[in-house]
Amino acid sequence: MNKSVSIFSKITVAVALVATVAACNQPKTDTKTGAPAAAAPEKAEIVYVNSDTLLNKYDYFKDMSSRLQEKGKSAQSDLQSKGEAFQREVQEYQKTMNSLSADQRASTEQRLQRKNQELQAYKENASAQLQNEQAGENSKLYDKISDFTKAYAKEKGYKMVLTFSKANPTVLYGDPSLDVTADVVKRLNEAYAKDKK
């Protein structure tokens, strides 16, 4: 009988050991729902920033856009007033041209033609200047975001930070847990607020 108790004990211990090992290898379940519990997420090495959201919420970009828009409106207003003044001169000339001598008409037409060329050159220069300024501001914006993102990735231990945009969808899908846009916007705005002071 001792022999059968000993064998029974050994079998019981072996079954308990096998059950314990099997239980350890089973996926964990949520005690409330009975569904398999999600595995602890590994630290993401690749994350993304939604650039559409970033630009809509980044105060530096908003201020930059307002400045450029104001300069554009100012240049447009200036061009419009110069154009209207030129049109008034042309209309004045057309009213009086029949009373002028041929020499006076020729010199007035040459002067108006030069003024028109100067106005066109002014318009082209103003447009080029505005485009150059916009390109310079966009370059500063890119550098600000890029420099911040490098430091942010290093701090958080990310190996890569991608960008997502509806206009340029290089990332078609990204798990929302990898979206760090809100944190990036918050911290960029904090840094910009300090810079403004």
N, C-alpha and C. Protein backbone atom coordinates (compact mmCIF):
# COMPACT_ATOMS: atom_id res chain seq x y z
N MET A 1 0.81 -1.18 0.00
CA MET A 1 0.00 0.00 0.00
C MET A 1 0.86 1.25 0.00
N ASN A 2 1.95 1.27 0.73
CA ASN A 2 2.86 2.40 0.73
C ASN A 2 3.40 2.66 -0.67
N LYS A 3 3.61 1.55 -1.37
CA LYS A 3 4.12 1.67 -2.73
C LYS A 3 3.08 2.35 -3.60
N SER A 4 1.81 2.01 -3.47
CA SER A 4 0.76 2.62 -4.30
C SER A 4 0.54 4.08 -3.89
N VAL A 5 0.68 4.43 -2.59
CA VAL A 5 0.56 5.82 -2.14
C VAL A 5 1.71 6.63 -2.71
N SER A 6 2.90 6.04 -2.72
CA SER A 6 4.07 6.72 -3.24
C SER A 6 3.91 6.99 -4.74
N ILE A 7 3.43 6.01 -5.48
CA ILE A 7 3.22 6.19 -6.92
C ILE A 7 2.11 7.21 -7.13
N PHE A 8 1.04 7.12 -6.33
CA PHE A 8 -0.07 8.07 -6.45
C PHE A 8 0.42 9.49 -6.15
N SER A 9 1.25 9.64 -5.14
CA SER A 9 1.80 10.96 -4.79
C SER A 9 2.66 11.50 -5.91
N LYS A 10 3.48 10.64 -6.48
CA LYS A 10 4.35 11.07 -7.57
C LYS A 10 3.52 11.49 -8.79
N ILE A 11 2.47 10.72 -9.08
CA ILE A 11 1.61 11.04 -10.22
C ILE A 11 0.90 12.37 -9.95
N THR A 12 0.40 12.58 -8.74
CA THR A 12 -0.29 13.80 -8.37
C THR A 12 0.65 15.00 -8.49
N VAL A 13 1.88 14.85 -8.00
CA VAL A 13 2.86 15.93 -8.10
C VAL A 13 3.18 16.21 -9.57
N ALA A 14 3.34 15.18 -10.37
CA ALA A 14 3.66 15.35 -11.80
C ALA A 14 2.51 16.06 -12.52
N VAL A 15 1.24 15.64 -12.21
CA VAL A 15 0.08 16.27 -12.84
C VAL A 15 0.01 17.74 -12.41
N ALA A 16 0.25 18.02 -11.14
CA ALA A 16 0.22 19.40 -10.65
C ALA A 16 1.31 20.24 -11.33
N LEU A 17 2.49 19.65 -11.50
CA LEU A 17 3.60 20.33 -12.14
C LEU A 17 3.27 20.63 -13.61
N VAL A 18 2.71 19.63 -14.31
CA VAL A 18 2.33 19.82 -15.71
C VAL A 18 1.24 20.88 -15.82
N ALA A 19 0.26 20.88 -14.92
CA ALA A 19 -0.82 21.86 -14.93
C ALA A 19 -0.28 23.27 -14.69
N THR A 20 0.69 23.36 -13.76
CA THR A 20 1.29 24.66 -13.47
C THR A 20 2.04 25.20 -14.67
N VAL A 21 2.83 24.35 -15.31
CA VAL A 21 3.58 24.77 -16.50
C VAL A 21 2.62 25.16 -17.62
N ALA A 22 1.57 24.39 -17.81
CA ALA A 22 0.58 24.69 -18.85
C ALA A 22 -0.12 26.00 -18.56
N ALA A 23 -0.45 26.25 -17.30
CA ALA A 23 -1.13 27.49 -16.94
C ALA A 23 -0.22 28.70 -17.19
N CYS A 24 1.05 28.53 -16.95
CA CYS A 24 1.98 29.64 -17.18
C CYS A 24 2.11 29.96 -18.66
N ASN A 25 1.93 28.98 -19.51
CA ASN A 25 2.06 29.20 -20.95
C ASN A 25 0.77 29.67 -21.60
N GLN A 26 -0.35 29.66 -20.89
CA GLN A 26 -1.63 30.10 -21.44
C GLN A 26 -1.68 31.61 -21.48
N PRO A 27 -2.36 32.16 -22.51
CA PRO A 27 -2.51 33.62 -22.50
C PRO A 27 -3.38 34.03 -21.31
N LYS A 28 -3.01 35.15 -20.72
CA LYS A 28 -3.76 35.64 -19.56
C LYS A 28 -5.12 36.13 -20.01
N THR A 29 -6.10 36.01 -19.12
CA THR A 29 -7.45 36.48 -19.44
C THR A 29 -7.82 37.59 -18.49
N ASP A 30 -8.66 38.46 -18.97
CA ASP A 30 -9.19 39.56 -18.17
C ASP A 30 -10.17 38.94 -17.19
N THR A 31 -9.99 39.19 -15.90
CA THR A 31 -10.85 38.57 -14.89
C THR A 31 -12.28 39.08 -14.96
N LYS A 32 -12.51 40.28 -15.49
CA LYS A 32 -13.87 40.82 -15.57
C LYS A 32 -14.62 40.29 -16.77
N THR A 33 -13.95 40.24 -17.92
CA THR A 33 -14.66 39.87 -19.15
C THR A 33 -14.40 38.43 -19.57
N GLY A 34 -13.34 37.83 -19.08
CA GLY A 34 -13.00 36.46 -19.47
C GLY A 34 -12.30 36.42 -20.83
N ALA A 35 -12.11 37.59 -21.44
CA ALA A 35 -11.44 37.65 -22.74
C ALA A 35 -9.93 37.62 -22.52
N PRO A 36 -9.19 37.18 -23.53
CA PRO A 36 -7.73 37.19 -23.37
C PRO A 36 -7.24 38.61 -23.11
N ALA A 37 -6.39 38.76 -22.12
CA ALA A 37 -5.85 40.07 -21.78
C ALA A 37 -4.80 40.46 -22.81
N ALA A 38 -4.73 41.75 -23.09
CA ALA A 38 -3.73 42.23 -24.05
C ALA A 38 -2.36 42.10 -23.43
N ALA A 39 -1.42 41.68 -24.25
CA ALA A 39 -0.06 41.54 -23.77
C ALA A 39 0.48 42.94 -23.49
N ALA A 40 1.38 43.02 -22.54
CA ALA A 40 1.97 44.32 -22.22
C ALA A 40 2.66 44.84 -23.47
N PRO A 41 2.32 46.07 -23.88
CA PRO A 41 2.91 46.58 -25.11
C PRO A 41 4.41 46.79 -24.96
N GLU A 42 5.11 46.46 -26.03
CA GLU A 42 6.54 46.71 -26.04
C GLU A 42 6.74 48.19 -26.31
N LYS A 43 7.89 48.71 -25.94
CA LYS A 43 8.20 50.12 -26.19
C LYS A 43 8.31 50.32 -27.69
N ALA A 44 7.54 51.26 -28.22
CA ALA A 44 7.57 51.54 -29.65
C ALA A 44 8.90 52.18 -30.01
N GLU A 45 9.46 51.76 -31.13
CA GLU A 45 10.69 52.38 -31.62
C GLU A 45 10.40 53.31 -32.78
N ILE A 46 9.24 53.11 -33.41
CA ILE A 46 8.83 53.96 -34.52
C ILE A 46 7.47 54.56 -34.18
N VAL A 47 7.39 55.88 -34.25
CA VAL A 47 6.14 56.58 -33.98
C VAL A 47 5.90 57.55 -35.13
N TYR A 48 4.74 58.19 -35.12
CA TYR A 48 4.47 59.17 -36.18
C TYR A 48 3.81 60.40 -35.62
N VAL A 49 3.91 61.47 -36.40
CA VAL A 49 3.28 62.74 -36.07
C VAL A 49 2.37 63.09 -37.23
N ASN A 50 1.13 63.44 -36.93
CA ASN A 50 0.19 63.88 -37.96
C ASN A 50 0.50 65.35 -38.25
N SER A 51 1.11 65.61 -39.40
CA SER A 51 1.56 66.97 -39.69
C SER A 51 0.40 67.93 -39.92
N ASP A 52 -0.75 67.43 -40.38
CA ASP A 52 -1.92 68.30 -40.54
C ASP A 52 -2.35 68.86 -39.18
N THR A 53 -2.47 67.97 -38.21
CA THR A 53 -2.85 68.38 -36.85
C THR A 53 -1.78 69.27 -36.25
N LEU A 54 -0.53 68.89 -36.44
CA LEU A 54 0.58 69.67 -35.89
C LEU A 54 0.51 71.11 -36.38
N LEU A 55 0.35 71.30 -37.68
CA LEU A 55 0.33 72.65 -38.22
C LEU A 55 -0.91 73.43 -37.78
N ASN A 56 -2.03 72.75 -37.63
CA ASN A 56 -3.25 73.43 -37.19
C ASN A 56 -3.17 73.88 -35.73
N LYS A 57 -2.35 73.20 -34.94
CA LYS A 57 -2.30 73.50 -33.51
C LYS A 57 -1.00 74.13 -33.03
N TYR A 58 -0.01 74.23 -33.91
CA TYR A 58 1.29 74.78 -33.52
C TYR A 58 1.22 76.30 -33.59
N ASP A 59 1.37 76.98 -32.46
CA ASP A 59 1.23 78.43 -32.39
C ASP A 59 2.24 79.17 -33.26
N TYR A 60 3.46 78.67 -33.36
CA TYR A 60 4.45 79.32 -34.21
C TYR A 60 3.97 79.35 -35.66
N PHE A 61 3.41 78.22 -36.14
CA PHE A 61 2.92 78.17 -37.51
C PHE A 61 1.75 79.13 -37.70
N LYS A 62 0.87 79.20 -36.70
CA LYS A 62 -0.27 80.13 -36.80
C LYS A 62 0.21 81.58 -36.90
N ASP A 63 1.18 81.93 -36.05
CA ASP A 63 1.72 83.30 -36.07
C ASP A 63 2.43 83.59 -37.39
N MET A 64 3.21 82.62 -37.86
CA MET A 64 3.93 82.77 -39.12
C MET A 64 2.95 82.97 -40.28
N SER A 65 1.90 82.16 -40.31
CA SER A 65 0.89 82.26 -41.37
C SER A 65 0.20 83.62 -41.33
N SER A 66 -0.11 84.11 -40.14
CA SER A 66 -0.75 85.43 -40.00
C SER A 66 0.17 86.54 -40.51
N ARG A 67 1.46 86.46 -40.15
CA ARG A 67 2.41 87.48 -40.61
C ARG A 67 2.50 87.48 -42.14
N LEU A 68 2.63 86.29 -42.73
CA LEU A 68 2.74 86.21 -44.18
C LEU A 68 1.45 86.67 -44.86
N GLN A 69 0.33 86.32 -44.28
CA GLN A 69 -0.95 86.72 -44.85
C GLN A 69 -1.10 88.25 -44.82
N GLU A 70 -0.69 88.86 -43.71
CA GLU A 70 -0.75 90.33 -43.60
C GLU A 70 0.16 90.99 -44.62
N LYS A 71 1.37 90.45 -44.79
CA LYS A 71 2.29 91.01 -45.78
C LYS A 71 1.72 90.85 -47.18
N GLY A 72 1.10 89.72 -47.45
CA GLY A 72 0.48 89.49 -48.75
C GLY A 72 -0.65 90.48 -49.01
N LYS A 73 -1.48 90.70 -48.00
CA LYS A 73 -2.58 91.67 -48.14
C LYS A 73 -2.05 93.07 -48.36
N SER A 74 -1.00 93.43 -47.62
CA SER A 74 -0.40 94.75 -47.74
C SER A 74 0.17 94.95 -49.15
N ALA A 75 0.89 93.93 -49.64
CA ALA A 75 1.46 94.02 -51.00
C ALA A 75 0.36 94.10 -52.04
N GLN A 76 -0.69 93.32 -51.85
CA GLN A 76 -1.82 93.34 -52.79
C GLN A 76 -2.50 94.71 -52.79
N SER A 77 -2.68 95.28 -51.62
CA SER A 77 -3.30 96.60 -51.50
C SER A 77 -2.44 97.67 -52.17
N ASP A 78 -1.12 97.59 -51.95
CA ASP A 78 -0.19 98.53 -52.56
C ASP A 78 -0.24 98.42 -54.09
N LEU A 79 -0.21 97.19 -54.59
CA LEU A 79 -0.29 96.98 -56.04
C LEU A 79 -1.60 97.49 -56.61
N GLN A 80 -2.67 97.26 -55.90
CA GLN A 80 -3.98 97.70 -56.37
C GLN A 80 -4.04 99.23 -56.45
N SER A 81 -3.52 99.91 -55.44
CA SER A 81 -3.56 101.38 -55.46
C SER A 81 -2.67 101.94 -56.58
N LYS A 82 -1.50 101.34 -56.80
CA LYS A 82 -0.63 101.77 -57.90
C LYS A 82 -1.30 101.50 -59.25
N GLY A 83 -1.95 100.36 -59.37
CA GLY A 83 -2.65 100.02 -60.61
C GLY A 83 -3.81 100.96 -60.89
N GLU A 84 -4.55 101.31 -59.85
CA GLU A 84 -5.68 102.25 -60.02
C GLU A 84 -5.18 103.63 -60.41
N ALA A 85 -4.07 104.06 -59.81
CA ALA A 85 -3.50 105.38 -60.15
C ALA A 85 -3.06 105.38 -61.62
N PHE A 86 -2.47 104.29 -62.06
CA PHE A 86 -2.04 104.18 -63.45
C PHE A 86 -3.26 104.22 -64.39
N GLN A 87 -4.31 103.52 -64.03
CA GLN A 87 -5.53 103.49 -64.85
C GLN A 87 -6.15 104.90 -64.95
N ARG A 88 -6.10 105.66 -63.86
CA ARG A 88 -6.62 107.03 -63.90
C ARG A 88 -5.81 107.89 -64.87
N GLU A 89 -4.48 107.70 -64.84
CA GLU A 89 -3.63 108.45 -65.78
C GLU A 89 -3.96 108.09 -67.22
N VAL A 90 -4.16 106.81 -67.49
CA VAL A 90 -4.50 106.36 -68.85
C VAL A 90 -5.83 106.97 -69.27
N GLN A 91 -6.81 106.96 -68.38
CA GLN A 91 -8.12 107.53 -68.70
C GLN A 91 -8.04 109.03 -68.96
N GLU A 92 -7.22 109.73 -68.15
CA GLU A 92 -7.02 111.16 -68.35
C GLU A 92 -6.42 111.42 -69.73
N TYR A 93 -5.42 110.60 -70.07
CA TYR A 93 -4.77 110.76 -71.37
C TYR A 93 -5.78 110.52 -72.49
N GLN A 94 -6.60 109.48 -72.34
CA GLN A 94 -7.58 109.16 -73.40
C GLN A 94 -8.59 110.30 -73.58
N LYS A 95 -8.92 110.99 -72.49
CA LYS A 95 -9.86 112.11 -72.59
C LYS A 95 -9.24 113.30 -73.33
N THR A 96 -7.95 113.53 -73.11
CA THR A 96 -7.30 114.72 -73.66
C THR A 96 -6.44 114.46 -74.89
N MET A 97 -6.33 113.22 -75.32
CA MET A 97 -5.38 112.91 -76.39
C MET A 97 -5.71 113.62 -77.71
N ASN A 98 -6.99 113.86 -77.98
CA ASN A 98 -7.35 114.52 -79.24
C ASN A 98 -6.94 116.00 -79.25
N SER A 99 -6.78 116.60 -78.08
CA SER A 99 -6.41 118.01 -78.01
C SER A 99 -4.90 118.20 -77.97
N LEU A 100 -4.15 117.09 -77.90
CA LEU A 100 -2.68 117.19 -77.81
C LEU A 100 -2.05 117.12 -79.21
N SER A 101 -0.88 117.71 -79.31
CA SER A 101 -0.14 117.62 -80.56
C SER A 101 0.43 116.21 -80.70
N ALA A 102 0.91 115.88 -81.87
CA ALA A 102 1.47 114.54 -82.12
C ALA A 102 2.67 114.28 -81.23
N ASP A 103 3.52 115.30 -81.04
CA ASP A 103 4.69 115.14 -80.17
C ASP A 103 4.27 114.91 -78.71
N GLN A 104 3.28 115.67 -78.26
CA GLN A 104 2.79 115.50 -76.88
C GLN A 104 2.18 114.11 -76.69
N ARG A 105 1.40 113.65 -77.67
CA ARG A 105 0.81 112.30 -77.59
C ARG A 105 1.91 111.25 -77.54
N ALA A 106 2.90 111.36 -78.39
CA ALA A 106 3.99 110.37 -78.44
C ALA A 106 4.74 110.32 -77.11
N SER A 107 5.09 111.50 -76.57
CA SER A 107 5.83 111.52 -75.30
C SER A 107 4.97 110.99 -74.14
N THR A 108 3.67 111.32 -74.13
CA THR A 108 2.77 110.82 -73.07
C THR A 108 2.61 109.31 -73.17
N GLU A 109 2.47 108.81 -74.39
CA GLU A 109 2.32 107.35 -74.58
C GLU A 109 3.59 106.62 -74.15
N GLN A 110 4.76 107.19 -74.46
CA GLN A 110 6.03 106.57 -74.03
C GLN A 110 6.12 106.56 -72.50
N ARG A 111 5.73 107.69 -71.89
CA ARG A 111 5.78 107.77 -70.42
C ARG A 111 4.82 106.75 -69.80
N LEU A 112 3.62 106.64 -70.35
CA LEU A 112 2.64 105.66 -69.83
C LEU A 112 3.13 104.22 -70.05
N GLN A 113 3.78 103.99 -71.17
CA GLN A 113 4.31 102.65 -71.44
C GLN A 113 5.41 102.30 -70.43
N ARG A 114 6.30 103.28 -70.15
CA ARG A 114 7.35 103.05 -69.14
C ARG A 114 6.73 102.79 -67.76
N LYS A 115 5.72 103.59 -67.42
CA LYS A 115 5.05 103.41 -66.12
C LYS A 115 4.42 102.02 -66.04
N ASN A 116 3.82 101.56 -67.12
CA ASN A 116 3.20 100.23 -67.15
C ASN A 116 4.27 99.13 -66.95
N GLN A 117 5.41 99.31 -67.62
CA GLN A 117 6.51 98.34 -67.46
C GLN A 117 7.04 98.36 -66.02
N GLU A 118 7.16 99.56 -65.45
CA GLU A 118 7.62 99.68 -64.06
C GLU A 118 6.63 99.03 -63.10
N LEU A 119 5.35 99.21 -63.38
CA LEU A 119 4.31 98.61 -62.55
C LEU A 119 4.38 97.08 -62.63
N GLN A 120 4.58 96.55 -63.83
CA GLN A 120 4.70 95.09 -63.99
C GLN A 120 5.94 94.56 -63.27
N ALA A 121 7.05 95.28 -63.40
CA ALA A 121 8.29 94.87 -62.72
C ALA A 121 8.10 94.92 -61.20
N TYR A 122 7.43 95.96 -60.72
CA TYR A 122 7.16 96.10 -59.29
C TYR A 122 6.32 94.92 -58.79
N LYS A 123 5.32 94.57 -59.59
CA LYS A 123 4.44 93.45 -59.24
C LYS A 123 5.22 92.13 -59.17
N GLU A 124 6.08 91.90 -60.16
CA GLU A 124 6.89 90.67 -60.18
C GLU A 124 7.87 90.63 -59.01
N ASN A 125 8.50 91.77 -58.72
CA ASN A 125 9.44 91.84 -57.60
C ASN A 125 8.74 91.61 -56.26
N ALA A 126 7.57 92.21 -56.10
CA ALA A 126 6.81 92.04 -54.85
C ALA A 126 6.41 90.58 -54.69
N SER A 127 6.00 89.95 -55.77
CA SER A 127 5.60 88.54 -55.72
C SER A 127 6.79 87.65 -55.39
N ALA A 128 7.93 87.92 -56.04
CA ALA A 128 9.15 87.14 -55.78
C ALA A 128 9.62 87.33 -54.34
N GLN A 129 9.56 88.57 -53.86
CA GLN A 129 9.98 88.85 -52.48
C GLN A 129 9.09 88.11 -51.48
N LEU A 130 7.79 88.10 -51.74
CA LEU A 130 6.86 87.39 -50.86
C LEU A 130 7.11 85.89 -50.89
N GLN A 131 7.37 85.35 -52.08
CA GLN A 131 7.67 83.91 -52.19
C GLN A 131 8.97 83.56 -51.48
N ASN A 132 9.99 84.41 -51.62
CA ASN A 132 11.26 84.16 -50.92
C ASN A 132 11.08 84.21 -49.42
N GLU A 133 10.30 85.16 -48.97
CA GLU A 133 10.05 85.28 -47.53
C GLU A 133 9.29 84.04 -47.02
N GLN A 134 8.31 83.60 -47.80
CA GLN A 134 7.55 82.41 -47.42
C GLN A 134 8.46 81.18 -47.39
N ALA A 135 9.34 81.06 -48.38
CA ALA A 135 10.27 79.92 -48.40
C ALA A 135 11.20 79.96 -47.19
N GLY A 136 11.68 81.16 -46.85
CA GLY A 136 12.54 81.30 -45.67
C GLY A 136 11.81 80.93 -44.39
N GLU A 137 10.56 81.38 -44.26
CA GLU A 137 9.77 81.05 -43.07
C GLU A 137 9.48 79.55 -43.01
N ASN A 138 9.17 78.94 -44.15
CA ASN A 138 8.93 77.49 -44.17
C ASN A 138 10.18 76.71 -43.80
N SER A 139 11.34 77.21 -44.23
CA SER A 139 12.60 76.57 -43.88
C SER A 139 12.84 76.65 -42.37
N LYS A 140 12.57 77.84 -41.78
CA LYS A 140 12.70 77.99 -40.32
C LYS A 140 11.75 77.05 -39.59
N LEU A 141 10.52 76.96 -40.09
CA LEU A 141 9.52 76.08 -39.48
C LEU A 141 9.99 74.64 -39.52
N TYR A 142 10.47 74.20 -40.68
CA TYR A 142 10.97 72.82 -40.82
C TYR A 142 12.12 72.57 -39.84
N ASP A 143 13.06 73.52 -39.78
CA ASP A 143 14.21 73.35 -38.88
C ASP A 143 13.76 73.27 -37.43
N LYS A 144 12.82 74.13 -37.03
CA LYS A 144 12.32 74.10 -35.65
C LYS A 144 11.72 72.74 -35.32
N ILE A 145 10.85 72.25 -36.21
CA ILE A 145 10.17 70.97 -35.96
C ILE A 145 11.17 69.83 -36.02
N SER A 146 12.06 69.87 -37.00
CA SER A 146 13.05 68.80 -37.15
C SER A 146 13.99 68.73 -35.94
N ASP A 147 14.51 69.88 -35.52
CA ASP A 147 15.41 69.90 -34.36
C ASP A 147 14.69 69.41 -33.10
N PHE A 148 13.45 69.87 -32.92
CA PHE A 148 12.68 69.43 -31.76
C PHE A 148 12.46 67.91 -31.82
N THR A 149 12.09 67.42 -32.99
CA THR A 149 11.78 65.99 -33.14
C THR A 149 13.00 65.12 -32.86
N LYS A 150 14.19 65.57 -33.28
CA LYS A 150 15.42 64.81 -33.01
C LYS A 150 15.63 64.68 -31.50
N ALA A 151 15.50 65.80 -30.79
CA ALA A 151 15.68 65.78 -29.34
C ALA A 151 14.59 64.94 -28.67
N TYR A 152 13.37 65.09 -29.15
CA TYR A 152 12.22 64.36 -28.59
C TYR A 152 12.41 62.85 -28.77
N ALA A 153 12.84 62.44 -29.95
CA ALA A 153 13.05 61.01 -30.23
C ALA A 153 14.15 60.45 -29.34
N LYS A 154 15.21 61.22 -29.19
CA LYS A 154 16.33 60.77 -28.33
C LYS A 154 15.86 60.62 -26.89
N GLU A 155 15.10 61.61 -26.41
CA GLU A 155 14.59 61.57 -25.03
C GLU A 155 13.66 60.37 -24.80
N LYS A 156 12.80 60.09 -25.77
CA LYS A 156 11.81 59.03 -25.62
C LYS A 156 12.33 57.65 -26.04
N GLY A 157 13.50 57.61 -26.67
CA GLY A 157 14.06 56.33 -27.10
C GLY A 157 13.48 55.82 -28.42
N TYR A 158 12.99 56.72 -29.26
CA TYR A 158 12.46 56.32 -30.56
C TYR A 158 13.58 56.26 -31.57
N LYS A 159 13.51 55.29 -32.44
CA LYS A 159 14.52 55.16 -33.49
C LYS A 159 14.10 55.91 -34.75
N MET A 160 12.78 56.11 -34.92
CA MET A 160 12.29 56.80 -36.11
C MET A 160 10.98 57.50 -35.79
N VAL A 161 10.84 58.73 -36.33
CA VAL A 161 9.59 59.47 -36.21
C VAL A 161 9.13 59.79 -37.63
N LEU A 162 8.01 59.20 -38.01
CA LEU A 162 7.46 59.41 -39.34
C LEU A 162 6.47 60.56 -39.31
N THR A 163 6.11 61.06 -40.47
CA THR A 163 5.09 62.08 -40.56
C THR A 163 3.94 61.55 -41.40
N PHE A 164 2.74 61.94 -41.01
CA PHE A 164 1.54 61.53 -41.72
C PHE A 164 0.78 62.78 -42.12
N SER A 165 0.31 62.80 -43.35
CA SER A 165 -0.47 63.94 -43.84
C SER A 165 -1.43 63.45 -44.90
N LYS A 166 -2.64 63.98 -44.91
CA LYS A 166 -3.60 63.61 -45.95
C LYS A 166 -3.13 64.07 -47.32
N ALA A 167 -2.43 65.20 -47.35
CA ALA A 167 -1.95 65.74 -48.62
C ALA A 167 -0.83 64.90 -49.20
N ASN A 168 -0.03 64.26 -48.35
CA ASN A 168 1.09 63.44 -48.79
C ASN A 168 1.11 62.16 -47.98
N PRO A 169 0.21 61.23 -48.28
CA PRO A 169 0.04 60.05 -47.43
C PRO A 169 1.11 58.96 -47.64
N THR A 170 2.31 59.21 -47.14
CA THR A 170 3.33 58.16 -47.20
C THR A 170 3.05 57.07 -46.17
N VAL A 171 2.39 57.42 -45.09
CA VAL A 171 1.94 56.45 -44.10
C VAL A 171 0.43 56.29 -44.30
N LEU A 172 0.02 55.13 -44.75
CA LEU A 172 -1.41 54.91 -44.99
C LEU A 172 -2.16 54.56 -43.72
N TYR A 173 -1.48 53.91 -42.80
CA TYR A 173 -2.12 53.58 -41.52
C TYR A 173 -1.05 53.52 -40.45
N GLY A 174 -1.40 54.02 -39.31
CA GLY A 174 -0.54 53.91 -38.14
C GLY A 174 -1.41 53.66 -36.93
N ASP A 175 -1.04 52.70 -36.13
CA ASP A 175 -1.80 52.40 -34.92
C ASP A 175 -1.85 53.67 -34.07
N PRO A 176 -3.02 54.03 -33.57
CA PRO A 176 -3.14 55.26 -32.77
C PRO A 176 -2.19 55.30 -31.57
N SER A 177 -1.78 54.14 -31.07
CA SER A 177 -0.86 54.15 -29.94
C SER A 177 0.53 54.67 -30.33
N LEU A 178 0.81 54.73 -31.62
CA LEU A 178 2.10 55.23 -32.10
C LEU A 178 2.04 56.72 -32.44
N ASP A 179 0.86 57.33 -32.34
CA ASP A 179 0.67 58.74 -32.68
C ASP A 179 1.09 59.61 -31.50
N VAL A 180 2.16 60.34 -31.66
CA VAL A 180 2.68 61.19 -30.59
C VAL A 180 2.42 62.68 -30.87
N THR A 181 1.50 62.95 -31.80
CA THR A 181 1.24 64.33 -32.23
C THR A 181 0.85 65.24 -31.07
N ALA A 182 -0.07 64.81 -30.24
CA ALA A 182 -0.55 65.67 -29.15
C ALA A 182 0.59 66.10 -28.23
N ASP A 183 1.45 65.15 -27.87
CA ASP A 183 2.57 65.46 -26.99
C ASP A 183 3.55 66.40 -27.69
N VAL A 184 3.82 66.15 -28.96
CA VAL A 184 4.75 66.99 -29.72
C VAL A 184 4.20 68.42 -29.82
N VAL A 185 2.91 68.56 -30.16
CA VAL A 185 2.31 69.90 -30.28
C VAL A 185 2.38 70.63 -28.94
N LYS A 186 2.03 69.95 -27.87
CA LYS A 186 2.04 70.55 -26.54
C LYS A 186 3.44 71.08 -26.20
N ARG A 187 4.44 70.26 -26.43
CA ARG A 187 5.79 70.64 -26.06
C ARG A 187 6.37 71.70 -27.00
N LEU A 188 6.03 71.63 -28.29
CA LEU A 188 6.47 72.67 -29.22
C LEU A 188 5.87 74.02 -28.82
N ASN A 189 4.58 74.02 -28.47
CA ASN A 189 3.93 75.27 -28.06
C ASN A 189 4.53 75.81 -26.77
N GLU A 190 4.88 74.93 -25.85
CA GLU A 190 5.53 75.38 -24.61
C GLU A 190 6.87 76.03 -24.93
N ALA A 191 7.65 75.39 -25.82
CA ALA A 191 8.96 75.94 -26.19
C ALA A 191 8.79 77.28 -26.91
N TYR A 192 7.79 77.37 -27.78
CA TYR A 192 7.56 78.63 -28.52
C TYR A 192 7.11 79.74 -27.57
N ALA A 193 6.28 79.40 -26.60
CA ALA A 193 5.82 80.40 -25.63
C ALA A 193 7.01 80.95 -24.86
N LYS A 194 7.98 80.10 -24.50
CA LYS A 194 9.19 80.55 -23.80
C LYS A 194 10.02 81.46 -24.71
N ASP A 195 10.13 81.08 -26.01
CA ASP A 195 10.90 81.87 -26.97
C ASP A 195 10.29 83.25 -27.20
N LYS A 196 8.96 83.35 -27.16
CA LYS A 196 8.28 84.62 -27.40
C LYS A 196 8.53 85.63 -26.29
N LYS A 197 8.79 85.12 -25.08
CA LYS A 197 8.97 86.02 -23.93
C LYS A 197 10.26 86.73 -23.97
